[in-house]
């Protein structure tokens, strides 16, 4: 299994050893957000998700929020053992910067990100 996290590592790829791909899960997907309060209002109050974890990185002026549905069977599972989470990345100050125009969506040529589904 391989991990890459721009915020946590200078090393682009770390191989953790031989694994069985049939046991892989989709752990999370990441979205950059402008304002956590606005984002959380929708995901918590409309979709019923909960904050599962928060990781602050003041040196790079960023906070990661792990959001998803509380899994009663998950117990004390590591965040890396859970599935179906959304990781929201907040860069300090984007919510109050009047010059912030938003993030690149990849859809300028209509060939970028499509969607993710919650059913």
N, C-alpha and C. Protein backbone atom coordinates (compact mmCIF):
# COMPACT_ATOMS: atom_id res chain seq x y z
N UNK A 1 0.86 -1.17 0.00
CA UNK A 1 0.00 0.00 0.00
C UNK A 1 0.90 1.22 0.00
N UNK A 2 0.48 2.27 -0.65
CA UNK A 2 1.28 3.49 -0.74
C UNK A 2 0.49 4.67 -0.21
N UNK A 3 1.19 5.57 0.46
CA UNK A 3 0.58 6.77 0.99
C UNK A 3 1.34 7.98 0.47
N UNK A 4 0.62 9.06 0.21
CA UNK A 4 1.26 10.33 -0.12
C UNK A 4 0.44 11.42 0.52
N UNK A 5 1.07 12.28 1.28
CA UNK A 5 0.39 13.43 1.86
C UNK A 5 1.32 14.62 1.74
N UNK A 6 0.95 15.57 0.93
CA UNK A 6 1.75 16.77 0.70
C UNK A 6 2.07 17.47 2.01
N UNK A 7 1.11 17.51 2.93
CA UNK A 7 1.29 18.25 4.17
C UNK A 7 2.21 17.53 5.15
N UNK A 8 2.29 16.22 5.07
CA UNK A 8 3.02 15.46 6.08
C UNK A 8 4.37 14.95 5.64
N UNK A 9 4.66 14.95 4.36
CA UNK A 9 5.86 14.27 3.92
C UNK A 9 6.53 14.96 2.75
N UNK A 10 7.85 14.97 2.79
CA UNK A 10 8.64 15.43 1.65
C UNK A 10 8.83 14.27 0.68
N UNK A 11 8.66 13.04 1.16
CA UNK A 11 8.82 11.85 0.34
C UNK A 11 7.55 11.60 -0.44
N UNK A 12 7.62 11.55 -1.77
CA UNK A 12 6.40 11.42 -2.56
C UNK A 12 5.70 10.08 -2.43
N UNK A 13 6.41 9.00 -2.15
CA UNK A 13 5.77 7.69 -2.12
C UNK A 13 6.45 6.82 -1.07
N UNK A 14 5.66 6.17 -0.24
CA UNK A 14 6.19 5.25 0.76
C UNK A 14 5.52 3.91 0.57
N UNK A 15 6.30 2.89 0.29
CA UNK A 15 5.76 1.55 0.13
C UNK A 15 5.75 0.86 1.48
N UNK A 16 4.59 0.45 1.95
CA UNK A 16 4.47 -0.16 3.27
C UNK A 16 4.58 -1.68 3.23
N UNK A 17 4.90 -2.23 2.09
CA UNK A 17 5.10 -3.68 2.00
C UNK A 17 4.07 -4.36 1.13
N UNK A 18 4.21 -5.67 1.04
CA UNK A 18 3.31 -6.47 0.20
C UNK A 18 1.94 -6.56 0.87
N UNK A 19 0.91 -6.26 0.12
CA UNK A 19 -0.45 -6.31 0.65
C UNK A 19 -1.37 -6.99 -0.36
N UNK A 20 -2.58 -7.27 0.08
CA UNK A 20 -3.58 -7.89 -0.78
C UNK A 20 -4.56 -6.83 -1.26
N UNK A 21 -4.52 -6.43 -2.54
CA UNK A 21 -5.41 -5.39 -3.05
C UNK A 21 -6.89 -5.69 -2.84
N UNK A 22 -7.27 -6.95 -2.70
CA UNK A 22 -8.68 -7.28 -2.48
C UNK A 22 -9.17 -6.79 -1.12
N UNK A 23 -8.25 -6.48 -0.23
CA UNK A 23 -8.62 -6.00 1.10
C UNK A 23 -8.58 -4.47 1.21
N UNK A 24 -8.25 -3.79 0.12
CA UNK A 24 -8.19 -2.33 0.14
C UNK A 24 -9.58 -1.74 0.30
N UNK A 25 -9.65 -0.57 0.91
CA UNK A 25 -10.90 0.19 1.02
C UNK A 25 -10.61 1.62 0.54
N UNK A 26 -11.64 2.32 0.12
CA UNK A 26 -11.47 3.75 -0.13
C UNK A 26 -11.60 4.41 1.23
N UNK A 27 -10.51 4.97 1.71
CA UNK A 27 -10.47 5.56 3.03
C UNK A 27 -11.12 6.94 3.05
N UNK A 28 -10.68 7.82 2.15
CA UNK A 28 -11.26 9.16 2.11
C UNK A 28 -10.93 9.85 0.80
N UNK A 29 -11.64 10.93 0.57
CA UNK A 29 -11.32 11.84 -0.53
C UNK A 29 -11.14 13.22 0.08
N UNK A 30 -10.39 14.09 -0.57
CA UNK A 30 -10.06 15.39 -0.01
C UNK A 30 -10.66 16.52 -0.84
N UNK A 31 -11.21 17.49 -0.13
CA UNK A 31 -11.70 18.71 -0.76
C UNK A 31 -11.17 19.90 0.03
N UNK A 32 -10.68 20.90 -0.68
CA UNK A 32 -10.28 22.14 -0.02
C UNK A 32 -11.54 22.98 0.16
N UNK A 33 -11.64 23.61 1.33
CA UNK A 33 -12.83 24.41 1.64
C UNK A 33 -12.43 25.83 2.04
N UNK A 34 -13.32 26.76 1.77
CA UNK A 34 -13.08 28.15 2.12
C UNK A 34 -13.47 28.43 3.57
N UNK A 35 -14.60 27.89 4.02
CA UNK A 35 -15.13 28.22 5.34
C UNK A 35 -15.68 26.96 6.01
N UNK A 36 -15.00 26.44 7.04
CA UNK A 36 -15.47 25.23 7.71
C UNK A 36 -16.90 25.36 8.26
N UNK A 37 -17.27 26.52 8.79
CA UNK A 37 -18.61 26.67 9.38
C UNK A 37 -19.70 26.45 8.34
N UNK A 38 -19.53 27.03 7.16
CA UNK A 38 -20.52 26.87 6.09
C UNK A 38 -20.55 25.42 5.61
N UNK A 39 -19.38 24.83 5.42
CA UNK A 39 -19.28 23.44 4.97
C UNK A 39 -19.92 22.51 5.98
N UNK A 40 -19.57 22.67 7.25
CA UNK A 40 -20.08 21.76 8.28
C UNK A 40 -21.59 21.90 8.46
N UNK A 41 -22.13 23.08 8.30
CA UNK A 41 -23.57 23.25 8.42
C UNK A 41 -24.30 22.30 7.47
N UNK A 42 -23.83 22.20 6.24
CA UNK A 42 -24.46 21.30 5.26
C UNK A 42 -24.20 19.83 5.60
N UNK A 43 -22.95 19.46 5.77
CA UNK A 43 -22.62 18.05 5.97
C UNK A 43 -23.14 17.50 7.30
N UNK A 44 -23.16 18.32 8.34
CA UNK A 44 -23.64 17.85 9.65
C UNK A 44 -25.16 17.94 9.76
N UNK A 45 -25.73 19.10 9.43
CA UNK A 45 -27.16 19.32 9.67
C UNK A 45 -28.08 18.82 8.56
N UNK A 46 -27.57 18.72 7.34
CA UNK A 46 -28.39 18.22 6.23
C UNK A 46 -28.12 16.74 5.99
N UNK A 47 -26.85 16.36 5.90
CA UNK A 47 -26.50 14.97 5.59
C UNK A 47 -26.30 14.09 6.82
N UNK A 48 -26.23 14.68 8.00
CA UNK A 48 -26.13 13.90 9.23
C UNK A 48 -24.76 13.31 9.53
N UNK A 49 -23.73 13.84 8.90
CA UNK A 49 -22.37 13.35 9.17
C UNK A 49 -21.85 13.98 10.46
N UNK A 50 -20.71 13.47 10.91
CA UNK A 50 -20.09 13.96 12.14
C UNK A 50 -18.61 14.19 11.92
N UNK A 51 -18.03 15.03 12.77
CA UNK A 51 -16.59 15.24 12.76
C UNK A 51 -15.94 14.03 13.44
N UNK A 52 -15.10 13.32 12.70
CA UNK A 52 -14.46 12.11 13.21
C UNK A 52 -13.03 12.36 13.66
N UNK A 53 -12.45 13.45 13.20
CA UNK A 53 -11.08 13.78 13.58
C UNK A 53 -10.68 15.13 13.04
N UNK A 54 -9.71 15.73 13.70
CA UNK A 54 -9.21 17.04 13.28
C UNK A 54 -7.70 17.05 13.49
N UNK A 55 -6.97 17.52 12.49
CA UNK A 55 -5.52 17.57 12.55
C UNK A 55 -5.07 18.96 12.16
N UNK A 56 -4.46 19.68 13.12
CA UNK A 56 -4.02 21.05 12.88
C UNK A 56 -2.54 21.07 12.51
N UNK A 57 -2.20 21.86 11.51
CA UNK A 57 -0.83 22.02 11.05
C UNK A 57 -0.51 23.52 10.98
N UNK A 58 -0.28 24.16 12.15
CA UNK A 58 -0.06 25.60 12.16
C UNK A 58 1.17 26.04 11.36
N UNK A 59 2.18 25.17 11.24
CA UNK A 59 3.37 25.55 10.49
C UNK A 59 3.09 25.75 9.00
N UNK A 60 2.09 25.06 8.47
CA UNK A 60 1.71 25.27 7.06
C UNK A 60 0.34 25.94 6.95
N UNK A 61 -0.15 26.45 8.09
CA UNK A 61 -1.40 27.21 8.13
C UNK A 61 -2.57 26.44 7.53
N UNK A 62 -2.77 25.22 8.03
CA UNK A 62 -3.79 24.34 7.48
C UNK A 62 -4.39 23.47 8.58
N UNK A 63 -5.66 23.14 8.42
CA UNK A 63 -6.33 22.18 9.29
C UNK A 63 -7.05 21.16 8.41
N UNK A 64 -6.92 19.89 8.76
CA UNK A 64 -7.63 18.81 8.08
C UNK A 64 -8.75 18.34 8.99
N UNK A 65 -9.95 18.23 8.44
CA UNK A 65 -11.11 17.73 9.17
C UNK A 65 -11.56 16.43 8.52
N UNK A 66 -11.65 15.36 9.30
CA UNK A 66 -12.14 14.08 8.81
C UNK A 66 -13.62 13.99 9.18
N UNK A 67 -14.47 13.84 8.17
CA UNK A 67 -15.92 13.87 8.35
C UNK A 67 -16.52 12.60 7.75
N UNK A 68 -17.55 12.07 8.40
CA UNK A 68 -18.23 10.90 7.86
C UNK A 68 -19.36 10.47 8.77
N UNK A 69 -19.90 9.32 8.47
CA UNK A 69 -20.97 8.76 9.30
C UNK A 69 -20.34 7.92 10.40
N UNK A 70 -20.84 8.11 11.60
CA UNK A 70 -20.32 7.36 12.74
C UNK A 70 -20.66 5.89 12.55
N UNK A 71 -19.65 5.06 12.58
CA UNK A 71 -19.80 3.62 12.41
C UNK A 71 -19.74 2.98 13.79
N UNK A 72 -20.85 2.45 14.24
CA UNK A 72 -20.91 1.86 15.58
C UNK A 72 -19.93 0.70 15.72
N UNK A 73 -19.63 0.01 14.62
CA UNK A 73 -18.71 -1.12 14.67
C UNK A 73 -17.25 -0.70 14.60
N UNK A 74 -17.00 0.57 14.28
CA UNK A 74 -15.62 1.01 14.10
C UNK A 74 -14.86 1.07 15.42
N UNK A 75 -15.58 1.37 16.51
CA UNK A 75 -14.92 1.44 17.81
C UNK A 75 -13.72 2.37 17.78
N UNK A 76 -12.60 1.85 18.20
CA UNK A 76 -11.38 2.66 18.27
C UNK A 76 -10.49 2.45 17.05
N UNK A 77 -11.08 2.10 15.93
CA UNK A 77 -10.29 1.90 14.70
C UNK A 77 -9.48 3.14 14.37
N UNK A 78 -8.31 2.90 13.85
CA UNK A 78 -7.47 3.98 13.35
C UNK A 78 -8.19 4.68 12.19
N UNK A 79 -7.91 5.96 12.00
CA UNK A 79 -8.49 6.69 10.88
C UNK A 79 -8.12 6.02 9.55
N UNK A 80 -6.98 5.34 9.52
CA UNK A 80 -6.54 4.68 8.28
C UNK A 80 -7.26 3.36 8.04
N UNK A 81 -7.98 2.86 9.05
CA UNK A 81 -8.71 1.59 8.90
C UNK A 81 -10.18 1.82 8.58
N UNK A 82 -10.64 3.05 8.72
CA UNK A 82 -12.03 3.37 8.43
C UNK A 82 -12.21 3.55 6.93
N UNK A 83 -13.45 3.60 6.50
CA UNK A 83 -13.72 3.86 5.10
C UNK A 83 -14.73 4.96 4.93
N UNK A 84 -14.84 5.45 3.72
CA UNK A 84 -15.88 6.39 3.31
C UNK A 84 -15.90 7.69 4.09
N UNK A 85 -14.74 8.28 4.28
CA UNK A 85 -14.67 9.58 4.93
C UNK A 85 -14.40 10.67 3.90
N UNK A 86 -14.71 11.89 4.28
CA UNK A 86 -14.34 13.06 3.48
C UNK A 86 -13.36 13.85 4.32
N UNK A 87 -12.24 14.20 3.72
CA UNK A 87 -11.25 15.03 4.39
C UNK A 87 -11.38 16.44 3.82
N UNK A 88 -11.73 17.38 4.68
CA UNK A 88 -11.82 18.77 4.25
C UNK A 88 -10.55 19.48 4.70
N UNK A 89 -9.93 20.19 3.78
CA UNK A 89 -8.71 20.93 4.09
C UNK A 89 -9.01 22.42 4.08
N UNK A 90 -8.79 23.04 5.23
CA UNK A 90 -9.01 24.48 5.38
C UNK A 90 -7.65 25.17 5.48
N UNK A 91 -7.39 26.12 4.60
CA UNK A 91 -6.18 26.93 4.63
C UNK A 91 -6.53 28.21 5.38
N UNK A 92 -5.80 28.47 6.46
CA UNK A 92 -6.10 29.61 7.32
C UNK A 92 -6.29 30.90 6.51
N UNK A 93 -7.36 31.61 6.82
CA UNK A 93 -7.60 32.94 6.26
C UNK A 93 -8.43 32.99 4.99
N UNK A 94 -8.69 31.84 4.35
CA UNK A 94 -9.47 31.89 3.11
C UNK A 94 -10.89 32.37 3.36
N UNK A 95 -11.41 32.16 4.56
CA UNK A 95 -12.78 32.57 4.87
C UNK A 95 -12.90 34.07 5.08
N UNK A 96 -11.79 34.75 5.35
CA UNK A 96 -11.85 36.20 5.62
C UNK A 96 -11.12 37.03 4.57
N UNK A 97 -10.49 36.39 3.60
CA UNK A 97 -9.73 37.11 2.57
C UNK A 97 -10.66 37.56 1.44
N UNK A 98 -10.89 38.88 1.30
CA UNK A 98 -11.80 39.36 0.26
C UNK A 98 -11.27 39.12 -1.16
N UNK A 99 -9.97 38.86 -1.30
CA UNK A 99 -9.38 38.61 -2.62
C UNK A 99 -9.34 37.13 -2.99
N UNK A 100 -9.75 36.27 -2.07
CA UNK A 100 -9.73 34.83 -2.36
C UNK A 100 -10.83 34.50 -3.36
N UNK A 101 -10.46 33.93 -4.48
CA UNK A 101 -11.40 33.66 -5.58
C UNK A 101 -11.90 32.22 -5.60
N UNK A 102 -11.45 31.40 -4.68
CA UNK A 102 -11.86 30.00 -4.67
C UNK A 102 -10.76 29.10 -5.21
N UNK A 103 -10.99 27.82 -5.13
CA UNK A 103 -10.01 26.83 -5.56
C UNK A 103 -10.26 26.40 -7.00
N UNK A 104 -9.23 25.90 -7.63
CA UNK A 104 -9.31 25.33 -8.98
C UNK A 104 -10.18 24.08 -8.92
N UNK A 105 -11.21 24.03 -9.74
CA UNK A 105 -12.12 22.88 -9.71
C UNK A 105 -11.78 21.82 -10.74
N UNK A 106 -10.98 22.17 -11.71
CA UNK A 106 -10.68 21.22 -12.78
C UNK A 106 -11.77 21.15 -13.83
N UNK A 107 -12.75 22.04 -13.75
CA UNK A 107 -13.88 21.98 -14.68
C UNK A 107 -13.92 23.13 -15.69
N UNK A 108 -12.84 23.88 -15.80
CA UNK A 108 -12.84 25.00 -16.74
C UNK A 108 -13.07 24.52 -18.17
N UNK A 109 -12.54 23.36 -18.51
CA UNK A 109 -12.73 22.80 -19.85
C UNK A 109 -13.75 21.67 -19.84
N UNK A 110 -14.51 21.58 -18.80
CA UNK A 110 -15.54 20.55 -18.62
C UNK A 110 -14.98 19.14 -18.70
N UNK A 111 -13.73 18.97 -18.29
CA UNK A 111 -13.15 17.63 -18.28
C UNK A 111 -12.51 17.30 -16.94
N UNK A 112 -12.90 18.02 -15.90
CA UNK A 112 -12.31 17.81 -14.59
C UNK A 112 -13.17 16.92 -13.71
N UNK A 113 -13.21 17.26 -12.45
CA UNK A 113 -13.93 16.49 -11.45
C UNK A 113 -15.40 16.37 -11.81
N UNK A 114 -15.95 15.19 -11.65
CA UNK A 114 -17.37 14.97 -11.95
C UNK A 114 -18.22 15.11 -10.71
N UNK A 115 -18.20 14.13 -9.83
CA UNK A 115 -19.02 14.18 -8.62
C UNK A 115 -18.64 13.03 -7.69
N UNK A 116 -19.18 13.08 -6.47
CA UNK A 116 -19.17 11.91 -5.61
C UNK A 116 -20.59 11.75 -5.11
N UNK A 117 -20.99 10.53 -4.84
CA UNK A 117 -22.39 10.24 -4.51
C UNK A 117 -22.53 9.78 -3.07
N UNK A 118 -23.55 10.28 -2.41
CA UNK A 118 -23.94 9.82 -1.07
C UNK A 118 -25.34 9.27 -1.22
N UNK A 119 -25.50 7.97 -0.98
CA UNK A 119 -26.82 7.35 -1.17
C UNK A 119 -27.29 6.68 0.11
